[in-house]
Amino acid sequence: MRNHTTAPQRFTFLFLAVVRANPQAHPHREQIAAASEREARSLLVGRFVLVFAGRLPALGVTHG
């Protein structure tokens, strides 16, 4: 019997973002790799107001 240890699956999360310090700034795309949307938001929420735009498999991840 083999023991497999698997790291948590990571995704690239996409957000529409506006700089929190400048609400007049134009929205732009921010992307970040994280295991969950909650983790991704926690890394960006201090600097940006965020709107979820998508979740993609992280590059370099193989399935199968």
N, C-alpha and C. Protein backbone atom coordinates (compact mmCIF):
# COMPACT_ATOMS: atom_id res chain seq x y z
N MET A 1 0.84 -1.17 0.00
CA MET A 1 0.00 0.00 0.00
C MET A 1 0.89 1.24 0.00
N ARG A 2 0.59 2.16 -0.93
CA ARG A 2 1.41 3.36 -1.04
C ARG A 2 0.71 4.53 -0.37
N ASN A 3 1.52 5.34 0.29
CA ASN A 3 0.99 6.56 0.89
C ASN A 3 1.23 7.71 -0.07
N HIS A 4 0.18 8.42 -0.38
CA HIS A 4 0.32 9.60 -1.25
C HIS A 4 0.04 10.84 -0.41
N THR A 5 0.94 11.76 -0.49
CA THR A 5 0.67 13.05 0.15
C THR A 5 0.44 14.04 -0.97
N THR A 6 -0.68 14.70 -0.92
CA THR A 6 -1.01 15.65 -1.97
C THR A 6 -1.11 17.04 -1.38
N ALA A 7 -0.51 17.97 -2.08
CA ALA A 7 -0.62 19.37 -1.67
C ALA A 7 -2.01 19.86 -2.04
N PRO A 8 -2.51 20.84 -1.33
CA PRO A 8 -3.82 21.37 -1.70
C PRO A 8 -3.79 21.89 -3.14
N GLN A 9 -4.86 21.64 -3.88
CA GLN A 9 -4.91 22.10 -5.26
C GLN A 9 -4.95 23.61 -5.29
N ARG A 10 -4.16 24.21 -6.16
CA ARG A 10 -4.09 25.66 -6.26
C ARG A 10 -4.75 26.10 -7.57
N PHE A 11 -5.30 27.28 -7.53
CA PHE A 11 -5.98 27.88 -8.66
C PHE A 11 -5.45 29.29 -8.87
N THR A 12 -5.67 29.81 -10.06
CA THR A 12 -5.43 31.22 -10.31
C THR A 12 -6.78 31.90 -10.25
N PHE A 13 -6.93 32.83 -9.31
CA PHE A 13 -8.18 33.56 -9.15
C PHE A 13 -8.06 34.91 -9.83
N LEU A 14 -9.12 35.30 -10.53
CA LEU A 14 -9.16 36.57 -11.23
C LEU A 14 -10.19 37.48 -10.57
N PHE A 15 -9.82 38.72 -10.40
CA PHE A 15 -10.72 39.71 -9.81
C PHE A 15 -10.69 40.99 -10.62
N LEU A 16 -11.81 41.68 -10.69
CA LEU A 16 -11.85 43.05 -11.14
C LEU A 16 -11.54 43.86 -9.89
N ALA A 17 -10.57 44.75 -9.98
CA ALA A 17 -10.10 45.43 -8.78
C ALA A 17 -10.02 46.94 -8.99
N VAL A 18 -10.29 47.68 -7.91
CA VAL A 18 -10.11 49.12 -7.86
C VAL A 18 -9.25 49.39 -6.64
N VAL A 19 -8.25 50.24 -6.81
CA VAL A 19 -7.36 50.58 -5.70
C VAL A 19 -8.19 51.21 -4.58
N ARG A 20 -8.10 50.64 -3.40
CA ARG A 20 -8.90 51.09 -2.27
C ARG A 20 -8.60 52.55 -1.91
N ALA A 21 -7.36 52.99 -2.04
CA ALA A 21 -6.96 54.34 -1.67
C ALA A 21 -7.41 55.38 -2.71
N ASN A 22 -7.84 54.92 -3.89
CA ASN A 22 -8.24 55.84 -4.95
C ASN A 22 -9.48 55.31 -5.66
N PRO A 23 -10.66 55.55 -5.10
CA PRO A 23 -11.89 55.03 -5.70
C PRO A 23 -12.16 55.57 -7.11
N GLN A 24 -11.48 56.65 -7.51
CA GLN A 24 -11.66 57.21 -8.85
C GLN A 24 -10.80 56.48 -9.89
N ALA A 25 -9.92 55.59 -9.45
CA ALA A 25 -9.06 54.84 -10.36
C ALA A 25 -9.90 53.92 -11.24
N HIS A 26 -9.37 53.61 -12.41
CA HIS A 26 -10.06 52.69 -13.32
C HIS A 26 -9.93 51.26 -12.81
N PRO A 27 -10.99 50.48 -12.94
CA PRO A 27 -10.90 49.05 -12.58
C PRO A 27 -9.87 48.36 -13.47
N HIS A 28 -9.21 47.38 -12.90
CA HIS A 28 -8.24 46.58 -13.64
C HIS A 28 -8.31 45.15 -13.15
N ARG A 29 -7.62 44.25 -13.85
CA ARG A 29 -7.62 42.84 -13.48
C ARG A 29 -6.47 42.55 -12.54
N GLU A 30 -6.76 41.85 -11.47
CA GLU A 30 -5.74 41.31 -10.56
C GLU A 30 -5.87 39.80 -10.60
N GLN A 31 -4.75 39.10 -10.60
CA GLN A 31 -4.79 37.64 -10.52
C GLN A 31 -3.80 37.18 -9.47
N ILE A 32 -4.16 36.09 -8.79
CA ILE A 32 -3.32 35.57 -7.71
C ILE A 32 -3.54 34.07 -7.59
N ALA A 33 -2.49 33.33 -7.28
CA ALA A 33 -2.59 31.89 -7.07
C ALA A 33 -2.90 31.61 -5.61
N ALA A 34 -3.89 30.76 -5.38
CA ALA A 34 -4.29 30.42 -4.01
C ALA A 34 -5.08 29.12 -4.04
N ALA A 35 -5.26 28.53 -2.87
CA ALA A 35 -6.02 27.28 -2.76
C ALA A 35 -7.52 27.52 -2.73
N SER A 36 -7.95 28.73 -2.33
CA SER A 36 -9.38 29.02 -2.24
C SER A 36 -9.62 30.50 -2.55
N GLU A 37 -10.86 30.82 -2.87
CA GLU A 37 -11.21 32.22 -3.12
C GLU A 37 -11.00 33.05 -1.85
N ARG A 38 -11.32 32.47 -0.72
CA ARG A 38 -11.15 33.17 0.55
C ARG A 38 -9.69 33.56 0.77
N GLU A 39 -8.77 32.62 0.51
CA GLU A 39 -7.34 32.90 0.66
C GLU A 39 -6.91 33.99 -0.33
N ALA A 40 -7.37 33.89 -1.57
CA ALA A 40 -7.01 34.88 -2.59
C ALA A 40 -7.49 36.27 -2.19
N ARG A 41 -8.74 36.37 -1.74
CA ARG A 41 -9.27 37.66 -1.31
C ARG A 41 -8.48 38.22 -0.13
N SER A 42 -8.13 37.35 0.80
CA SER A 42 -7.42 37.83 2.00
C SER A 42 -6.07 38.44 1.65
N LEU A 43 -5.46 37.98 0.56
CA LEU A 43 -4.17 38.51 0.14
C LEU A 43 -4.29 39.85 -0.58
N LEU A 44 -5.46 40.16 -1.13
CA LEU A 44 -5.63 41.38 -1.92
C LEU A 44 -6.53 42.44 -1.29
N VAL A 45 -7.37 42.05 -0.36
CA VAL A 45 -8.42 42.94 0.12
C VAL A 45 -7.89 44.19 0.84
N GLY A 46 -6.69 44.17 1.36
CA GLY A 46 -6.14 45.35 2.02
C GLY A 46 -5.85 46.48 1.06
N ARG A 47 -5.56 46.14 -0.20
CA ARG A 47 -5.20 47.17 -1.19
C ARG A 47 -6.29 47.46 -2.20
N PHE A 48 -7.23 46.51 -2.39
CA PHE A 48 -8.20 46.64 -3.47
C PHE A 48 -9.61 46.36 -3.01
N VAL A 49 -10.58 46.98 -3.69
CA VAL A 49 -11.98 46.57 -3.63
C VAL A 49 -12.12 45.56 -4.76
N LEU A 50 -12.65 44.37 -4.46
CA LEU A 50 -12.61 43.25 -5.41
C LEU A 50 -13.99 42.78 -5.83
N VAL A 51 -14.09 42.35 -7.09
CA VAL A 51 -15.25 41.65 -7.62
C VAL A 51 -14.72 40.37 -8.27
N PHE A 52 -15.25 39.23 -7.85
CA PHE A 52 -14.80 37.95 -8.39
C PHE A 52 -15.06 37.89 -9.89
N ALA A 53 -14.05 37.44 -10.66
CA ALA A 53 -14.20 37.34 -12.12
C ALA A 53 -13.96 35.93 -12.65
N GLY A 54 -13.26 35.07 -11.90
CA GLY A 54 -13.06 33.72 -12.40
C GLY A 54 -12.02 32.94 -11.62
N ARG A 55 -12.01 31.62 -11.88
CA ARG A 55 -11.05 30.70 -11.26
C ARG A 55 -10.54 29.76 -12.33
N LEU A 56 -9.23 29.69 -12.48
CA LEU A 56 -8.60 28.83 -13.46
C LEU A 56 -7.65 27.87 -12.77
N PRO A 57 -7.44 26.69 -13.34
CA PRO A 57 -6.42 25.80 -12.78
C PRO A 57 -5.06 26.50 -12.83
N ALA A 58 -4.27 26.35 -11.78
CA ALA A 58 -2.95 26.96 -11.76
C ALA A 58 -2.07 26.29 -12.81
N LEU A 59 -1.21 27.07 -13.44
CA LEU A 59 -0.29 26.51 -14.44
C LEU A 59 0.65 25.52 -13.79
N GLY A 60 0.99 24.51 -14.54
CA GLY A 60 1.91 23.49 -14.02
C GLY A 60 1.23 22.37 -13.26
N VAL A 61 -0.07 22.43 -13.10
CA VAL A 61 -0.80 21.38 -12.41
C VAL A 61 -1.18 20.32 -13.42
N THR A 62 -0.86 19.07 -13.11
CA THR A 62 -1.26 17.98 -14.00
C THR A 62 -2.27 17.10 -13.29
N HIS A 63 -3.20 16.61 -14.06
CA HIS A 63 -4.24 15.73 -13.51
C HIS A 63 -4.12 14.37 -14.19
N GLY A 64 -4.11 13.33 -13.37
CA GLY A 64 -4.13 12.00 -13.95
C GLY A 64 -2.88 11.22 -13.79
